Protein backbone atom coordinates (compact mmCIF):
# COMPACT_ATOMS: atom_id res chain seq x y z
CA MET A 1 0.16 -0.06 -0.03
CA SER A 2 1.76 3.40 -0.96
CA ARG A 3 1.84 5.95 1.44
CA GLU A 4 -0.01 9.12 0.96
CA PRO A 5 2.68 12.28 0.09
CA TYR A 6 3.75 14.20 2.77
CA SER A 7 2.20 17.34 4.02
CA PHE A 8 3.52 20.91 3.14
CA GLN A 9 4.75 21.17 6.86
CA THR A 10 6.62 17.92 6.83
CA LYS A 11 8.08 18.65 3.23
CA LEU A 12 9.74 21.98 4.33
CA LEU A 13 12.00 19.73 6.34
CA HIS A 14 11.88 15.96 4.68
CA ASN A 15 12.81 16.19 0.87
CA ALA A 16 15.45 15.81 -1.63
CA PHE A 17 17.98 17.77 0.21
CA LYS A 18 17.28 16.16 3.78
CA THR A 19 20.81 14.73 4.33
CA ASP A 20 23.78 15.17 2.26
CA LYS A 21 23.99 12.21 0.27
CA GLU A 22 27.70 11.79 0.21
CA THR A 23 28.20 12.46 3.91
CA GLY A 24 24.90 12.25 5.66
CA GLY A 25 25.02 15.80 7.03
CA VAL A 26 21.77 17.33 7.67
CA SER A 27 22.59 20.50 6.47
CA VAL A 28 23.24 21.16 2.82
CA PRO A 29 26.83 21.74 1.96
CA ILE A 30 27.81 25.25 0.76
CA HIS A 31 30.00 24.84 -2.46
CA HIS A 32 31.78 28.17 -2.73
CA SER A 33 33.63 27.14 -5.84
CA SER A 34 33.45 29.12 -8.82
CA THR A 35 34.61 26.87 -11.34
CA PHE A 36 34.82 22.84 -11.49
CA HIS A 37 37.26 20.74 -12.95
CA GLN A 38 36.40 18.73 -16.03
CA PHE A 39 37.54 15.22 -16.06
CA GLU A 40 37.13 14.63 -19.73
CA PHE A 41 38.41 16.58 -22.42
CA ASP A 42 35.14 16.10 -24.84
CA GLN A 43 32.28 15.50 -21.88
CA PHE A 44 31.68 18.43 -19.12
CA GLY A 45 30.65 17.31 -16.16
CA LYS A 46 26.97 18.52 -14.59
CA TYR A 47 28.71 21.93 -13.53
CA ASP A 48 31.23 24.00 -14.93
CA TYR A 49 30.95 27.54 -13.81
CA SER A 50 28.55 28.85 -10.99
CA ARG A 51 26.84 31.43 -12.60
CA SER A 52 25.40 28.63 -15.01
CA GLY A 53 25.07 26.10 -12.17
CA ASN A 54 26.01 25.46 -8.35
CA PRO A 55 24.93 22.18 -5.89
CA THR A 56 23.91 24.89 -3.18
CA ARG A 57 21.79 27.17 -5.34
CA GLU A 58 20.35 23.99 -6.91
CA ALA A 59 19.32 22.71 -3.47
CA LEU A 60 17.35 25.82 -3.00
CA GLU A 61 15.88 26.01 -6.67
CA GLU A 62 14.68 22.40 -6.67
CA THR A 63 13.23 22.58 -2.84
CA ILE A 64 11.25 25.81 -3.77
CA ALA A 65 10.07 24.32 -7.25
CA GLU A 66 8.65 21.20 -4.98
CA LEU A 67 6.72 23.53 -2.55
CA GLU A 68 5.26 25.56 -5.21
CA GLY A 69 4.42 22.86 -7.33
CA GLY A 70 6.63 23.96 -10.14
CA THR A 71 8.87 22.08 -12.41
CA ARG A 72 11.99 24.30 -12.15
CA GLY A 73 12.90 26.98 -9.68
CA PHE A 74 15.67 29.95 -10.11
CA ALA A 75 17.28 31.76 -7.59
CA PHE A 76 18.43 35.44 -7.68
CA SER A 77 20.43 37.90 -6.25
CA SER A 78 17.21 39.76 -5.26
CA GLY A 79 13.17 39.82 -5.34
CA MET A 80 13.72 42.51 -8.34
CA ALA A 81 16.21 40.79 -9.78
CA ALA A 82 13.50 37.80 -10.44
CA ILE A 83 10.96 40.12 -11.41
CA SER A 84 13.46 42.10 -13.82
CA THR A 85 14.79 38.69 -15.44
CA ALA A 86 11.11 37.51 -15.95
CA PHE A 87 10.39 40.70 -17.52
CA MET A 88 13.12 39.93 -20.10
CA LEU A 89 10.70 37.15 -21.45
CA LEU A 90 9.14 40.53 -23.06
CA GLN A 91 10.50 42.39 -26.47
CA GLN A 92 10.11 45.66 -27.92
CA GLY A 93 6.50 46.58 -28.71
CA ASP A 94 4.77 44.11 -26.09
CA HIS A 95 2.62 45.34 -23.26
CA VAL A 96 2.12 44.55 -19.94
CA LEU A 97 -1.20 44.85 -17.90
CA ILE A 98 0.02 45.42 -14.17
CA SER A 99 -2.02 45.43 -10.83
CA GLU A 100 -2.12 49.37 -10.01
CA ASP A 101 -1.11 49.33 -6.32
CA VAL A 102 1.97 46.76 -6.97
CA TYR A 103 5.26 47.12 -5.04
CA GLY A 104 6.98 50.46 -5.63
CA GLY A 105 9.89 48.72 -6.82
CA THR A 106 8.08 47.13 -9.46
CA TYR A 107 6.48 50.10 -10.48
CA ARG A 108 9.86 51.79 -11.06
CA MET A 109 11.08 48.84 -13.20
CA VAL A 110 7.89 49.11 -15.45
CA THR A 111 7.81 52.73 -16.04
CA GLU A 112 11.43 53.64 -16.22
CA VAL A 113 13.36 50.63 -17.29
CA LEU A 114 10.94 48.53 -19.37
CA SER A 115 9.55 51.51 -21.02
CA ARG A 116 12.76 52.81 -22.16
CA PHE A 117 12.93 49.27 -24.28
CA GLY A 118 9.79 49.77 -25.90
CA VAL A 119 7.79 47.94 -23.73
CA GLU A 120 4.26 49.38 -23.18
CA TYR A 121 2.15 49.20 -19.84
CA THR A 122 -1.06 49.58 -18.40
CA PHE A 123 -1.86 49.84 -14.54
CA VAL A 124 -5.39 48.33 -13.75
CA ASP A 125 -7.50 47.60 -10.84
CA MET A 126 -6.82 43.86 -11.12
CA THR A 127 -10.10 43.12 -8.72
CA ASP A 128 -12.08 44.85 -11.37
CA LEU A 129 -12.28 41.72 -13.99
CA ASN A 130 -14.12 43.88 -16.63
CA GLU A 131 -11.62 46.61 -16.57
CA VAL A 132 -8.65 44.05 -16.72
CA ALA A 133 -10.56 42.24 -19.72
CA THR A 134 -11.01 45.93 -21.61
CA SER A 135 -7.27 46.53 -21.00
CA ILE A 136 -6.08 43.68 -22.62
CA LYS A 137 -4.29 44.91 -26.13
CA ASN A 138 -3.45 43.09 -29.01
CA ASN A 139 0.06 43.33 -28.20
CA THR A 140 -0.54 42.22 -24.42
CA ARG A 141 2.09 39.46 -23.40
CA VAL A 142 1.73 39.59 -19.80
CA ILE A 143 -0.71 40.09 -17.11
CA TYR A 144 0.87 40.93 -13.74
CA MET A 145 -0.53 40.15 -10.64
CA GLU A 146 0.40 41.05 -6.80
CA THR A 147 -2.21 39.47 -4.56
CA PRO A 148 -2.78 40.59 -1.80
CA SER A 149 -1.22 43.59 -3.05
CA ASN A 150 1.16 46.03 -1.79
CA PRO A 151 0.47 47.80 0.70
CA LEU A 152 -3.54 47.51 0.59
CA LEU A 153 -4.23 43.89 0.69
CA LYS A 154 -6.35 44.03 -2.65
CA ILE A 155 -7.34 40.46 -3.60
CA THR A 156 -7.24 39.27 -7.06
CA ASP A 157 -9.18 36.40 -8.55
CA ILE A 158 -6.45 34.62 -9.79
CA GLU A 159 -8.32 31.90 -11.60
CA ALA A 160 -10.58 34.30 -13.57
CA VAL A 161 -7.42 36.60 -14.50
CA VAL A 162 -5.46 33.58 -15.80
CA LYS A 163 -8.63 32.29 -17.79
CA LEU A 164 -8.42 35.92 -19.35
CA ALA A 165 -5.07 35.57 -20.17
CA LYS A 166 -5.38 32.29 -21.85
CA ALA A 167 -8.02 33.50 -23.84
CA ASN A 168 -5.93 36.17 -25.24
CA GLY A 169 -2.44 34.23 -25.43
CA CYS A 170 -0.85 36.13 -22.54
CA TYR A 171 1.57 35.07 -19.72
CA THR A 172 0.54 35.34 -16.15
CA PHE A 173 3.35 36.67 -13.47
CA LEU A 174 2.55 36.67 -9.84
CA ASP A 175 4.10 38.24 -7.08
CA ASN A 176 3.40 35.53 -4.21
CA THR A 177 5.55 37.15 -1.59
CA PHE A 178 2.80 38.13 1.04
CA MET A 179 1.47 34.65 0.80
CA THR A 180 4.14 32.08 0.07
CA PRO A 181 3.50 28.43 -1.04
CA LEU A 182 2.20 27.82 2.47
CA LEU A 183 -0.81 29.78 2.05
CA GLN A 184 -1.29 30.26 -1.98
CA LYS A 185 -0.19 28.07 -4.92
CA PRO A 186 -0.45 30.29 -7.79
CA LEU A 187 0.66 27.45 -10.10
CA GLU A 188 -2.03 25.01 -9.45
CA LEU A 189 -4.57 27.89 -10.25
CA GLY A 190 -2.74 28.32 -13.55
CA VAL A 191 -0.23 31.24 -13.34
CA ASP A 192 2.80 30.78 -15.66
CA VAL A 193 5.43 32.46 -13.33
CA VAL A 194 5.39 32.66 -9.50
CA LEU A 195 7.43 35.35 -8.09
CA HIS A 196 9.18 36.01 -4.61
CA SER A 197 11.35 38.32 -2.76
CA ALA A 198 12.92 35.49 -0.56
CA THR A 199 14.28 38.17 1.73
CA LYS A 200 10.80 38.19 3.32
CA PHE A 201 8.83 35.18 4.81
CA LEU A 202 10.66 32.55 3.12
CA ALA A 203 14.01 33.11 4.71
CA GLY A 204 12.26 35.24 7.29
CA HIS A 205 15.24 36.38 9.61
CA SER A 206 16.07 39.95 7.89
CA ASP A 207 19.58 38.60 7.22
CA VAL A 208 19.58 37.62 3.45
CA VAL A 209 18.35 39.39 0.19
CA ALA A 210 17.14 37.13 -2.34
CA GLY A 211 14.68 36.35 -5.01
CA LEU A 212 12.96 33.12 -6.48
CA ALA A 213 11.14 32.56 -9.71
CA ILE A 214 9.26 29.37 -10.29
CA VAL A 215 7.50 27.77 -13.40
CA LYS A 216 5.51 24.47 -14.21
CA ARG A 217 5.47 24.69 -18.08
CA LYS A 218 8.85 23.20 -19.50
CA ASP A 219 9.29 25.69 -22.49
CA LEU A 220 9.39 28.64 -19.91
CA ALA A 221 11.71 26.68 -17.86
CA GLU A 222 14.25 26.70 -20.78
CA LYS A 223 13.58 30.31 -21.37
CA LEU A 224 14.26 31.54 -18.05
CA ALA A 225 17.42 29.28 -17.33
CA PHE A 226 18.60 30.86 -20.57
CA LEU A 227 17.71 34.44 -19.26
CA GLN A 228 19.35 33.77 -15.73
CA ASN A 229 22.47 32.43 -17.42
CA SER A 230 22.41 35.27 -19.74
CA PHE A 231 21.89 38.02 -17.36
CA GLY A 232 23.75 36.37 -14.53
CA SER A 233 21.94 38.02 -11.29
CA ILE A 234 22.29 34.88 -9.63
CA LEU A 235 22.01 34.26 -5.61
CA GLY A 236 25.32 33.64 -4.20
CA VAL A 237 25.75 29.96 -2.28
CA GLN A 238 25.80 31.38 1.67
CA ASP A 239 22.48 33.23 0.92
CA CYS A 240 20.95 30.32 -0.77
CA TRP A 241 21.99 28.25 2.49
CA LEU A 242 20.50 30.86 4.65
CA VAL A 243 17.01 30.90 2.59
CA LEU A 244 17.10 27.11 2.55
CA ARG A 245 17.49 27.31 6.75
CA GLY A 246 14.74 29.99 6.87
CA LEU A 247 12.43 27.54 5.03
CA LYS A 248 12.57 25.00 7.67
CA THR A 249 10.93 27.22 9.75
CA LEU A 250 8.48 28.81 7.52
CA HIS A 251 5.16 26.84 8.55
CA VAL A 252 5.40 27.70 12.60
CA ARG A 253 6.67 31.09 11.70
CA LEU A 254 3.88 32.33 9.58
CA LYS A 255 1.03 30.31 11.30
CA GLU A 256 2.32 32.35 14.64
CA ALA A 257 2.62 35.41 12.80
CA SER A 258 -0.67 35.17 11.06
CA GLU A 259 -2.72 34.60 14.29
CA SER A 260 -1.02 37.42 15.70
CA ALA A 261 -1.89 39.82 12.64
CA TYR A 262 -5.64 38.73 13.12
CA LYS A 263 -5.35 40.02 16.79
CA ILE A 264 -3.96 43.29 16.23
CA ALA A 265 -5.98 44.17 13.12
CA SER A 266 -8.91 43.69 15.69
CA PHE A 267 -7.75 45.96 17.63
CA LEU A 268 -6.51 48.50 15.39
CA LYS A 269 -10.32 48.48 13.72
CA SER A 270 -11.60 49.55 17.19
CA GLN A 271 -9.24 52.10 17.44
CA LYS A 272 -10.96 55.77 16.96
CA LEU A 273 -7.84 57.49 15.70
CA VAL A 274 -7.23 54.66 13.07
CA GLU A 275 -9.63 55.58 10.03
CA ASP A 276 -9.15 52.03 8.20
CA VAL A 277 -7.55 48.40 8.69
CA TYR A 278 -6.59 46.72 5.67
CA TYR A 279 -6.63 42.98 6.51
CA PRO A 280 -7.66 39.89 4.21
CA GLY A 281 -8.97 38.11 7.33
CA PHE A 282 -11.62 40.42 7.88
CA THR A 283 -15.22 38.93 6.88
CA PHE A 284 -15.82 42.49 5.24
CA HIS A 285 -12.37 42.92 3.29
CA ASN A 286 -13.19 43.24 -0.37
CA GLY A 287 -12.24 40.09 -1.80
CA TYR A 288 -12.46 38.12 1.42
CA SER A 289 -14.50 35.23 -0.26
CA THR A 290 -11.88 35.13 -3.10
CA GLN A 291 -8.75 34.84 -0.83
CA VAL A 292 -10.70 31.73 0.92
CA ARG A 293 -11.20 30.02 -1.85
CA GLN A 294 -7.54 30.66 -3.50
CA ALA A 295 -5.62 30.58 0.01
CA GLU A 296 -5.05 28.66 3.25
CA GLY A 297 -4.91 31.88 5.10
CA PRO A 298 -4.93 35.68 5.35
CA GLY A 299 -1.30 36.04 5.86
CA ALA A 300 0.56 38.18 8.46
CA VAL A 301 0.63 41.66 6.72
CA LEU A 302 -2.10 44.39 7.55
CA SER A 303 -2.00 47.90 6.70
CA PHE A 304 -3.89 50.64 8.83
CA LYS A 305 -4.69 54.56 8.10
CA LEU A 306 -4.17 57.37 10.25
CA LYS A 307 -5.56 61.03 9.59
CA ASN A 308 -1.96 62.38 8.19
CA GLU A 309 1.63 62.23 8.14
CA ASP A 310 1.93 63.78 11.59
CA ALA A 311 -0.14 61.26 13.38
CA VAL A 312 2.33 58.71 11.46
CA ARG A 313 5.48 60.49 13.13
CA GLN A 314 3.85 60.38 16.49
CA LEU A 315 3.11 56.65 16.28
CA ILE A 316 6.52 55.65 15.18
CA GLN A 317 7.96 57.95 18.13
CA HIS A 318 5.78 56.48 20.71
CA THR A 319 6.13 52.61 19.69
CA LYS A 320 8.96 50.60 21.36
CA ILE A 321 8.78 46.95 20.13
CA PRO A 322 8.20 47.09 16.16
CA VAL A 323 11.41 47.61 14.22
CA PHE A 324 10.99 50.77 12.03
CA ALA A 325 12.08 49.63 8.76
CA VAL A 326 11.53 48.75 5.16
CA SER A 327 11.00 45.12 4.24
CA LEU A 328 8.47 42.59 6.01
CA GLY A 329 8.04 39.07 6.83
CA ALA A 330 10.72 38.72 9.27
CA VAL A 331 10.70 37.29 12.84
CA GLU A 332 10.60 40.71 14.43
CA THR A 333 7.53 43.10 13.84
CA ILE A 334 8.17 45.48 11.34
CA LEU A 335 6.50 48.91 10.78
CA SER A 336 6.60 50.48 7.13
CA TYR A 337 5.59 53.84 5.94
CA PRO A 338 4.78 53.04 2.18
CA ALA A 339 4.84 56.61 1.45
CA LYS A 340 8.75 57.03 2.28
CA MET A 341 9.66 53.41 1.94
CA SER A 342 8.30 50.58 -0.26
CA HIS A 343 6.44 53.12 -2.63
CA ALA A 344 8.62 56.18 -2.47
CA SER A 345 9.75 55.57 -6.52
CA MET A 346 6.05 56.26 -6.91
CA PRO A 347 5.11 59.99 -7.45
CA LYS A 348 2.67 61.30 -4.59
CA LYS A 349 -0.05 61.82 -7.12
CA GLU A 350 0.16 58.29 -8.46
CA ARG A 351 0.43 57.00 -4.68
CA GLU A 352 -3.01 59.03 -3.63
CA LYS A 353 -4.73 57.83 -6.77
CA ARG A 354 -3.83 54.15 -5.56
CA GLY A 355 -5.41 55.15 -1.89
CA ILE A 356 -1.78 55.13 -0.56
CA SER A 357 -2.09 57.99 1.46
CA ASP A 358 0.56 59.94 3.93
CA GLY A 359 -1.33 58.44 6.78
CA LEU A 360 -0.93 54.86 5.65
CA LEU A 361 1.13 52.34 7.69
CA ARG A 362 2.06 48.62 6.73
CA LEU A 363 2.58 46.28 9.73
CA SER A 364 4.55 42.90 9.25
CA VAL A 365 3.59 41.00 12.43
CA GLY A 366 6.50 39.20 13.96
CA LEU A 367 6.91 36.51 16.28
CA GLU A 368 6.49 38.64 19.60
CA ASN A 369 3.53 38.25 21.96
CA ALA A 370 0.77 39.55 20.31
CA THR A 371 -0.80 41.09 23.51
CA ASP A 372 2.55 42.99 24.06
CA LEU A 373 2.44 44.23 20.29
CA ILE A 374 -1.34 45.22 21.20
CA GLU A 375 -0.35 47.28 24.43
CA ASP A 376 2.78 48.64 22.56
CA LEU A 377 0.46 50.09 19.70
CA GLY A 378 -2.08 51.11 22.15
CA GLN A 379 -0.13 53.09 24.57
CA ALA A 380 1.38 55.07 21.32
CA ILE A 381 -2.18 55.64 19.91
CA ASN A 382 -3.25 56.99 23.75
CA LYS A 383 -0.25 59.28 23.68
CA ILE A 384 -1.32 60.76 20.09
CA GLN A 385 -4.69 61.23 21.28
CA LEU A 386 -3.68 63.00 24.36
CA ALA A 387 -1.73 65.19 22.30
CA SER A 388 -4.81 65.77 20.30
CA ASN A 389 -6.79 66.85 22.91
CA LYS A 390 -4.22 69.30 24.55
CA ILE A 391 -4.39 71.10 20.78
CA THR A 392 -7.88 71.10 20.81
CA GLY A 393 -8.73 71.88 24.42
């Protein structure tokens, strides 16, 4: 009687790289070698030069491919390197349809780099399928999704967009950074290229910058392998090892952080000074039913809106636990200000059009005690309220 496949949680630890086949070591060896001796003049071995292939990087690439349900994975020096390399599947005259409230670095890449090479683009509200459908052009080659989106946590119906893309001969790319394959499997929903900033939840410890791309189609795998080798923005072996190590605890980290995120989002929703809270775990969040259908949970990232930049400054000044920094998805809670951080490259007019106001904060919940975080945010909000009362009084 054959045994059922391992659960995702178990596969994080028990996969093809559980032990080193040569030594039995329970940690993947780090192969620092940049080049490899060839034992035959006419027949080279599997590895020749580490830009083209390295055993340590291969371990990460095969692991993430298995976890995402793909045939091939690719490790890059950053999330933006992964995204940029995937965009090299395009050529002059092609058109990209992209989520309007996409990560600022992706916005910059599309508007200031791809445009220089003759690639056209249109930003759309990806939650509006009619807008998506009517925005597809004859030269549209990629529909780029980010769901939940950064930083407003908008939910895109992945299968519906994939259906539109296939009907029009387009590739679909999806940034799965917020969800990870633990919570969302885009390839199973028909997406062509899944992208990650592995810097975030996958590695999870604020100690590495990395990017990943995963595909199921063999023709796309061959094209991306060619681009990765040609462009050369590969992930170094030490960083590959750090991501592999981080993956081992992904389940427990994201599960704990998501539970805390719901508690914190609920607390913030009860505060008068907080004008709005964006979190896919709320039943009233736009797209909640879609999120429940296509993902295994809401994740550990939320955003909330205060009155203005001055209120944000005061909150940052009075909070003690969260790190005020760029990035997310780490063991420590990170409080970010999109207007000056993740979306600083987006002009103010474009930010405001997308609802990214000067009063918006993004919170990536870490592994601290949820009660401690709530009390810390509560005392900071109380101080803002007291200061406001003094002014108005």
